[in-house]
PDB file of N, CA and C in Angstrom:
ATOM      1  N   MET A   1       3.550  -0.761 -46.190  1.00  0.00           N
ATOM      2  CA  MET A   1       2.386  -1.845 -46.016  1.00  0.00           C
ATOM      3  C   MET A   1       2.907  -2.941 -46.106  1.00  0.00           C
ATOM      4  N   HIS A   2       3.659  -3.462 -47.126  1.00  0.00           N
ATOM      5  CA  HIS A   2       4.882  -4.868 -47.259  1.00  0.00           C
ATOM      6  C   HIS A   2       4.931  -4.869 -46.084  1.00  0.00           C
ATOM      7  N   LYS A   3       6.008  -4.118 -45.087  1.00  0.00           N
ATOM      8  CA  LYS A   3       6.097  -4.489 -43.714  1.00  0.00           C
ATOM      9  C   LYS A   3       5.951  -4.851 -42.704  1.00  0.00           C
ATOM     10  N   ARG A   4       4.514  -4.250 -42.873  1.00  0.00           N
ATOM     11  CA  ARG A   4       3.362  -4.202 -41.745  1.00  0.00           C
ATOM     12  C   ARG A   4       2.686  -6.067 -41.823  1.00  0.00           C
ATOM     13  N   ASN A   5       2.889  -6.721 -42.918  1.00  0.00           N
ATOM     14  CA  ASN A   5       2.507  -7.426 -42.767  1.00  0.00           C
ATOM     15  C   ASN A   5       3.850  -8.781 -42.984  1.00  0.00           C
ATOM     16  N   PHE A   6       4.981  -8.136 -43.218  1.00  0.00           N
ATOM     17  CA  PHE A   6       5.406  -9.255 -42.366  1.00  0.00           C
ATOM     18  C   PHE A   6       6.046  -9.356 -41.121  1.00  0.00           C
ATOM     19  N   GLN A   7       5.503  -7.904 -40.538  1.00  0.00           N
ATOM     20  CA  GLN A   7       6.057  -8.272 -39.178  1.00  0.00           C
ATOM     21  C   GLN A   7       5.148  -8.674 -37.852  1.00  0.00           C
ATOM     22  N   LYS A   8       3.313  -8.579 -38.413  1.00  0.00           N
ATOM     23  CA  LYS A   8       2.404  -9.316 -37.979  1.00  0.00           C
ATOM     24  C   LYS A   8       2.812 -10.638 -37.397  1.00  0.00           C
ATOM     25  N   PRO A   9       3.585 -11.863 -38.406  1.00  0.00           N
ATOM     26  CA  PRO A   9       3.580 -12.983 -38.164  1.00  0.00           C
ATOM     27  C   PRO A   9       4.519 -13.400 -37.203  1.00  0.00           C
ATOM     28  N   ARG A  10       5.508 -12.440 -37.645  1.00  0.00           N
ATOM     29  CA  ARG A  10       6.669 -12.761 -36.338  1.00  0.00           C
ATOM     30  C   ARG A  10       5.821 -12.301 -34.539  1.00  0.00           C
ATOM     31  N   LEU A  11       5.363 -11.088 -34.401  1.00  0.00           N
ATOM     32  CA  LEU A  11       4.737 -10.620 -33.557  1.00  0.00           C
ATOM     33  C   LEU A  11       3.787 -11.871 -33.028  1.00  0.00           C
ATOM     34  N   GLN A  12       3.521 -12.072 -33.677  1.00  0.00           N
ATOM     35  CA  GLN A  12       1.912 -13.591 -33.506  1.00  0.00           C
ATOM     36  C   GLN A  12       2.608 -14.322 -33.626  1.00  0.00           C
ATOM     37  N   ALA A  13       4.149 -15.231 -33.514  1.00  0.00           N
ATOM     38  CA  ALA A  13       4.500 -15.707 -33.057  1.00  0.00           C
ATOM     39  C   ALA A  13       5.505 -15.898 -31.999  1.00  0.00           C
ATOM     40  N   LYS A  14       6.428 -14.484 -31.590  1.00  0.00           N
ATOM     41  CA  LYS A  14       6.284 -13.875 -30.482  1.00  0.00           C
ATOM     42  C   LYS A  14       5.660 -14.561 -29.344  1.00  0.00           C
ATOM     43  N   LYS A  15       4.473 -14.074 -29.678  1.00  0.00           N
ATOM     44  CA  LYS A  15       3.115 -14.222 -28.401  1.00  0.00           C
ATOM     45  C   LYS A  15       2.937 -15.440 -27.547  1.00  0.00           C
ATOM     46  N   ARG A  16       3.004 -15.775 -28.802  1.00  0.00           N
ATOM     47  CA  ARG A  16       2.658 -17.608 -28.844  1.00  0.00           C
ATOM     48  C   ARG A  16       3.979 -18.636 -28.222  1.00  0.00           C
ATOM     49  N   ALA A  17       5.078 -18.291 -28.258  1.00  0.00           N
ATOM     50  CA  ALA A  17       6.578 -18.207 -27.686  1.00  0.00           C
ATOM     51  C   ALA A  17       6.260 -18.175 -26.257  1.00  0.00           C
ATOM     52  N   ASN A  18       6.148 -16.646 -25.459  1.00  0.00           N
ATOM     53  CA  ASN A  18       5.921 -16.147 -24.364  1.00  0.00           C
ATOM     54  C   ASN A  18       4.048 -16.676 -23.966  1.00  0.00           C
ATOM     55  N   LYS A  19       3.568 -17.366 -24.000  1.00  0.00           N
ATOM     56  CA  LYS A  19       2.247 -17.477 -23.487  1.00  0.00           C
ATOM     57  C   LYS A  19       2.911 -18.260 -22.298  1.00  0.00           C
ATOM     58  N   ASP A  20       2.912 -19.545 -22.407  1.00  0.00           N
ATOM     59  CA  ASP A  20       3.559 -19.797 -21.058  1.00  0.00           C
ATOM     60  C   ASP A  20       4.479 -18.825 -20.130  1.00  0.00           C
ATOM     61  N   LYS A  21       5.405 -18.034 -20.193  1.00  0.00           N
ATOM     62  CA  LYS A  21       6.471 -17.221 -19.596  1.00  0.00           C
ATOM     63  C   LYS A  21       5.606 -16.720 -18.708  1.00  0.00           C
ATOM     64  N   PRO A  22       5.994 -16.301 -17.529  1.00  0.00           N
ATOM     65  CA  PRO A  22       5.302 -15.341 -16.764  1.00  0.00           C
ATOM     66  C   PRO A  22       5.633 -13.473 -17.514  1.00  0.00           C
ATOM     67  N   SER A  23       4.567 -13.098 -16.704  1.00  0.00           N
ATOM     68  CA  SER A  23       4.808 -11.292 -17.444  1.00  0.00           C
ATOM     69  C   SER A  23       5.717 -10.845 -15.986  1.00  0.00           C
ATOM     70  N   ALA A  24       6.340 -10.276 -17.488  1.00  0.00           N
ATOM     71  CA  ALA A  24       7.792  -8.953 -16.372  1.00  0.00           C
ATOM     72  C   ALA A  24       7.206  -8.064 -15.349  1.00  0.00           C
ATOM     73  N   HIS A  25       5.910  -7.845 -16.288  1.00  0.00           N
ATOM     74  CA  HIS A  25       4.935  -6.557 -15.772  1.00  0.00           C
ATOM     75  C   HIS A  25       3.978  -7.767 -14.612  1.00  0.00           C
ATOM     76  N   ILE A  26       3.914  -6.482 -13.303  1.00  0.00           N
ATOM     77  CA  ILE A  26       3.576  -6.884 -12.397  1.00  0.00           C
ATOM     78  C   ILE A  26       3.113  -5.330 -11.838  1.00  0.00           C
ATOM     79  N   GLU A  27       1.412  -6.007 -11.189  1.00  0.00           N
ATOM     80  CA  GLU A  27       0.772  -5.120 -11.169  1.00  0.00           C
ATOM     81  C   GLU A  27       0.629  -5.506  -9.228  1.00  0.00           C
ATOM     82  N   HIS A  28       0.814  -4.152  -8.917  1.00  0.00           N
ATOM     83  CA  HIS A  28       0.604  -3.904  -6.724  1.00  0.00           C
ATOM     84  C   HIS A  28      -0.284  -2.525  -6.247  1.00  0.00           C
ATOM     85  N   ASN A  29      -1.260  -3.360  -6.206  1.00  0.00           N
ATOM     86  CA  ASN A  29      -1.631  -1.898  -5.232  1.00  0.00           C
ATOM     87  C   ASN A  29      -1.197  -2.103  -3.905  1.00  0.00           C
ATOM     88  N   CYS A  30      -1.575  -0.619  -3.043  1.00  0.00           N
ATOM     89  CA  CYS A  30      -0.834  -1.063  -1.506  1.00  0.00           C
ATOM     90  C   CYS A  30      -1.264   0.244  -1.131  1.00  0.00           C
ATOM     91  N   THR A  31      -2.212   0.418  -0.154  1.00  0.00           N
ATOM     92  CA  THR A  31      -3.043   1.754   0.814  1.00  0.00           C
ATOM     93  C   THR A  31      -2.232   1.301   1.936  1.00  0.00           C
ATOM     94  N   ALA A  32      -2.052   2.422   2.995  1.00  0.00           N
ATOM     95  CA  ALA A  32      -1.536   2.459   3.994  1.00  0.00           C
ATOM     96  C   ALA A  32      -3.214   3.511   4.914  1.00  0.00           C
ATOM     97  N   SER A  33      -2.783   2.351   6.243  1.00  0.00           N
ATOM     98  CA  SER A  33      -3.047   3.238   7.364  1.00  0.00           C
ATOM     99  C   SER A  33      -2.136   3.501   8.351  1.00  0.00           C
ATOM    100  N   ILE A  34      -1.990   4.422   9.018  1.00  0.00           N
ATOM    101  CA  ILE A  34      -0.778   5.481   9.767  1.00  0.00           C
ATOM    102  C   ILE A  34      -2.143   5.452  11.307  1.00  0.00           C
ATOM    103  N   GLY A  35      -1.183   5.198  12.141  1.00  0.00           N
ATOM    104  CA  GLY A  35      -1.094   5.855  13.218  1.00  0.00           C
ATOM    105  C   GLY A  35      -0.236   6.334  13.701  1.00  0.00           C
ATOM    106  N   LEU A  36      -0.813   7.649  14.832  1.00  0.00           N
ATOM    107  CA  LEU A  36       0.710   8.887  15.273  1.00  0.00           C
ATOM    108  C   LEU A  36      -0.057   9.030  16.659  1.00  0.00           C
ATOM    109  N   THR A  37       0.858   9.169  17.425  1.00  0.00           N
ATOM    110  CA  THR A  37       1.092  10.055  18.770  1.00  0.00           C
ATOM    111  C   THR A  37       2.126  10.227  19.173  1.00  0.00           C
ATOM    112  N   LEU A  38       1.183  11.633  19.756  1.00  0.00           N
ATOM    113  CA  LEU A  38       2.660  12.876  20.194  1.00  0.00           C
ATOM    114  C   LEU A  38       3.040  12.728  21.314  1.00  0.00           C
ATOM    115  N   PHE A  39       3.890  12.724  21.914  1.00  0.00           N
ATOM    116  CA  PHE A  39       4.780  13.046  22.595  1.00  0.00           C
ATOM    117  C   PHE A  39       5.912  14.030  23.337  1.00  0.00           C
ATOM    118  N   PHE A  40       5.679  14.517  23.980  1.00  0.00           N
ATOM    119  CA  PHE A  40       6.473  15.811  25.099  1.00  0.00           C
ATOM    120  C   PHE A  40       7.172  15.730  25.968  1.00  0.00           C
ATOM    121  N   ALA A  41       9.057  15.789  25.364  1.00  0.00           N
ATOM    122  CA  ALA A  41       9.712  15.197  26.656  1.00  0.00           C
ATOM    123  C   ALA A  41       9.822  14.072  26.849  1.00  0.00           C
ATOM    124  N   GLN A  42       9.513  13.355  27.690  1.00  0.00           N
ATOM    125  CA  GLN A  42      10.165  11.689  28.804  1.00  0.00           C
ATOM    126  C   GLN A  42       8.357  11.516  29.178  1.00  0.00           C
ATOM    127  N   ASP A  43       7.132  12.367  28.835  1.00  0.00           N
ATOM    128  CA  ASP A  43       5.625  11.820  29.513  1.00  0.00           C
ATOM    129  C   ASP A  43       5.536  10.413  29.629  1.00  0.00           C
ATOM    130  N   ASN A  44       6.055   9.412  28.945  1.00  0.00           N
ATOM    131  CA  ASN A  44       5.255   8.320  28.585  1.00  0.00           C
ATOM    132  C   ASN A  44       6.786   7.111  28.041  1.00  0.00           C
ATOM    133  N   THR A  45       6.523   5.860  28.587  1.00  0.00           N
ATOM    134  CA  THR A  45       7.170   4.926  27.931  1.00  0.00           C
ATOM    135  C   THR A  45       7.562   3.946  26.535  1.00  0.00           C
ATOM    136  N   ILE A  46       8.836   3.823  25.966  1.00  0.00           N
ATOM    137  CA  ILE A  46       8.517   3.857  24.819  1.00  0.00           C
ATOM    138  C   ILE A  46       7.329   2.563  23.827  1.00  0.00           C
ATOM    139  N   ASP A  47       7.078   1.262  25.200  1.00  0.00           N
ATOM    140  CA  ASP A  47       6.575   0.567  24.753  1.00  0.00           C
ATOM    141  C   ASP A  47       4.696   1.364  25.132  1.00  0.00           C
ATOM    142  N   GLU A  48       4.763   2.282  25.665  1.00  0.00           N
ATOM    143  CA  GLU A  48       3.447   3.142  25.314  1.00  0.00           C
ATOM    144  C   GLU A  48       3.513   4.076  24.847  1.00  0.00           C
ATOM    145  N   LEU A  49       4.314   4.326  24.076  1.00  0.00           N
ATOM    146  CA  LEU A  49       3.937   5.006  23.576  1.00  0.00           C
ATOM    147  C   LEU A  49       3.714   4.222  21.685  1.00  0.00           C
ATOM    148  N   LEU A  50       4.504   3.390  21.584  1.00  0.00           N
ATOM    149  CA  LEU A  50       3.865   2.396  20.349  1.00  0.00           C
ATOM    150  C   LEU A  50       3.014   1.772  20.454  1.00  0.00           C
ATOM    151  N   LYS A  51       2.009   1.431  21.889  1.00  0.00           N
ATOM    152  CA  LYS A  51       0.493   1.197  21.989  1.00  0.00           C
ATOM    153  C   LYS A  51      -0.025   2.363  21.599  1.00  0.00           C
ATOM    154  N   GLN A  52       0.284   3.382  21.971  1.00  0.00           N
ATOM    155  CA  GLN A  52      -0.815   4.325  21.197  1.00  0.00           C
ATOM    156  C   GLN A  52      -0.818   4.844  19.916  1.00  0.00           C
ATOM    157  N   ALA A  53       0.646   4.152  19.352  1.00  0.00           N
ATOM    158  CA  ALA A  53       0.436   4.633  18.346  1.00  0.00           C
ATOM    159  C   ALA A  53      -0.333   2.901  17.019  1.00  0.00           C
ATOM    160  N   ASP A  54       0.084   2.300  17.828  1.00  0.00           N
ATOM    161  CA  ASP A  54      -1.150   1.082  17.823  1.00  0.00           C
ATOM    162  C   ASP A  54      -1.891   1.398  17.752  1.00  0.00           C
ATOM    163  N   ARG A  55      -2.527   1.447  18.607  1.00  0.00           N
ATOM    164  CA  ARG A  55      -4.235   1.820  18.734  1.00  0.00           C
ATOM    165  C   ARG A  55      -4.500   3.142  17.695  1.00  0.00           C
ATOM    166  N   ALA A  56      -4.369   3.887  17.455  1.00  0.00           N
ATOM    167  CA  ALA A  56      -4.571   4.814  16.479  1.00  0.00           C
ATOM    168  C   ALA A  56      -4.308   4.543  14.706  1.00  0.00           C
ATOM    169  N   MET A  57      -3.301   3.436  14.801  1.00  0.00           N
ATOM    170  CA  MET A  57      -3.484   2.574  13.271  1.00  0.00           C
ATOM    171  C   MET A  57      -4.467   1.220  13.444  1.00  0.00           C
ATOM    172  N   TYR A  58      -5.289   1.360  14.234  1.00  0.00           N
ATOM    173  CA  TYR A  58      -6.413   0.306  14.492  1.00  0.00           C
ATOM    174  C   TYR A  58      -7.805   0.929  14.071  1.00  0.00           C
ATOM    175  N   GLN A  59      -7.643   2.170  15.138  1.00  0.00           N
ATOM    176  CA  GLN A  59      -8.795   3.123  14.349  1.00  0.00           C
ATOM    177  C   GLN A  59      -8.908   3.475  13.229  1.00  0.00           C
ATOM    178  N   ALA A  60      -7.127   3.903  12.667  1.00  0.00           N
ATOM    179  CA  ALA A  60      -7.590   3.906  10.791  1.00  0.00           C
ATOM    180  C   ALA A  60      -8.127   3.112  10.298  1.00  0.00           C
ATOM    181  N   LYS A  61      -7.662   1.543  10.505  1.00  0.00           N
ATOM    182  CA  LYS A  61      -8.447   0.607   9.392  1.00  0.00           C
ATOM    183  C   LYS A  61      -9.752   0.556  10.252  1.00  0.00           C
ATOM    184  N   GLN A  62     -10.438   0.909  11.168  1.00  0.00           N
ATOM    185  CA  GLN A  62     -12.071   0.607  11.013  1.00  0.00           C
ATOM    186  C   GLN A  62     -12.526   1.703  10.423  1.00  0.00           C
ATOM    187  N   ASN A  63     -11.500   2.780  10.122  1.00  0.00           N
ATOM    188  CA  ASN A  63     -12.128   3.782   9.901  1.00  0.00           C
ATOM    189  C   ASN A  63     -12.366   3.534   8.324  1.00  0.00           C
ATOM    190  N   GLY A  64     -11.813   3.018   7.177  1.00  0.00           N
ATOM    191  CA  GLY A  64     -12.094   2.177   6.082  1.00  0.00           C
ATOM    192  C   GLY A  64     -10.944   2.787   5.153  1.00  0.00           C
ATOM    193  N   ARG A  65      -9.524   2.029   6.745  1.00  0.00           N
ATOM    194  CA  ARG A  65      -8.310   2.394   5.643  1.00  0.00           C
ATOM    195  C   ARG A  65      -8.003   2.957   5.066  1.00  0.00           C
ATOM    196  N   ASN A  66      -6.355   3.317   4.428  1.00  0.00           N
ATOM    197  CA  ASN A  66      -5.718   4.327   3.422  1.00  0.00           C
ATOM    198  C   ASN A  66      -6.056   5.889   4.486  1.00  0.00           C
ATOM    199  N   SER A  67      -5.932   6.116   5.909  1.00  0.00           N
ATOM    200  CA  SER A  67      -6.429   7.340   6.138  1.00  0.00           C
ATOM    201  C   SER A  67      -4.704   7.194   7.562  1.00  0.00           C
ATOM    202  N   VAL A  68      -4.943   7.887   8.213  1.00  0.00           N
ATOM    203  CA  VAL A  68      -3.694   8.654   9.212  1.00  0.00           C
ATOM    204  C   VAL A  68      -5.409   9.326  10.257  1.00  0.00           C
ATOM    205  N   ARG A  69      -4.825   8.263  11.081  1.00  0.00           N
ATOM    206  CA  ARG A  69      -5.558   9.020  12.737  1.00  0.00           C
ATOM    207  C   ARG A  69      -4.760   9.554  13.835  1.00  0.00           C
ATOM    208  N   CYS A  70      -4.555  10.184  14.357  1.00  0.00           N
ATOM    209  CA  CYS A  70      -3.768  10.439  15.822  1.00  0.00           C
ATOM    210  C   CYS A  70      -4.170   9.628  16.596  1.00  0.00           C
ATOM    211  N   TYR A  71      -3.323   9.588  18.022  1.00  0.00           N
ATOM    212  CA  TYR A  71      -3.890   8.741  18.926  1.00  0.00           C
ATOM    213  C   TYR A  71      -4.408  10.115  19.959  1.00  0.00           C
ATOM    214  N   ARG A  72      -3.933  11.247  19.676  1.00  0.00           N
ATOM    215  CA  ARG A  72      -4.982  12.228  20.790  1.00  0.00           C
ATOM    216  C   ARG A  72      -5.842  12.898  20.182  1.00  0.00           C
ATOM    217  N   ASN A  73      -6.627  12.280  18.712  1.00  0.00           N
ATOM    218  CA  ASN A  73      -7.595  12.700  18.803  1.00  0.00           C
ATOM    219  C   ASN A  73      -9.085  11.527  18.879  1.00  0.00           C
ATOM    220  N   ILE A  74      -8.158  10.852  19.084  1.00  0.00           N
ATOM    221  CA  ILE A  74      -9.025   9.299  19.759  1.00  0.00           C
ATOM    222  C   ILE A  74      -9.611   9.581  20.811  1.00  0.00           C
ATOM    223  N   GLU A  75      -8.707  10.023  21.767  1.00  0.00           N
ATOM    224  CA  GLU A  75      -8.903  10.253  23.347  1.00  0.00           C
ATOM    225  C   GLU A  75      -9.594  11.181  23.375  1.00  0.00           C
ATOM    226  N   GLN A  76      -9.704  12.314  22.271  1.00  0.00           N
ATOM    227  CA  GLN A  76     -10.956  13.599  22.709  1.00  0.00           C
ATOM    228  C   GLN A  76     -12.164  13.063  22.354  1.00  0.00           C
ATOM    229  N   ALA A  77     -12.160  12.066  21.539  1.00  0.00           N
ATOM    230  CA  ALA A  77     -13.438  11.416  20.690  1.00  0.00           C
ATOM    231  C   ALA A  77     -14.390  11.110  22.251  1.00  0.00           C
ATOM    232  N   ILE A  78     -13.428  10.047  22.608  1.00  0.00           N
ATOM    233  CA  ILE A  78     -14.014   9.155  23.701  1.00  0.00           C
ATOM    234  C   ILE A  78     -15.081   9.791  24.641  1.00  0.00           C
TER     235      ILE A  78
END
């Protein structure tokens, strides 16, 4: 019990000394919206594939974020 009483003031002094210092612990939450496109051989150019994947990504964002959408599925739904 004597040990606890001795440590408590030291911990309080340490907290006061570090009060103005930024915390080393940083919490960050991240979600992902992913757009996919399927391609076979050389059906499309790279630019067209990127446009398709981009379109699918924005569809994923519109549907609540943190999801995956495939370009083929978007075209079938339209």
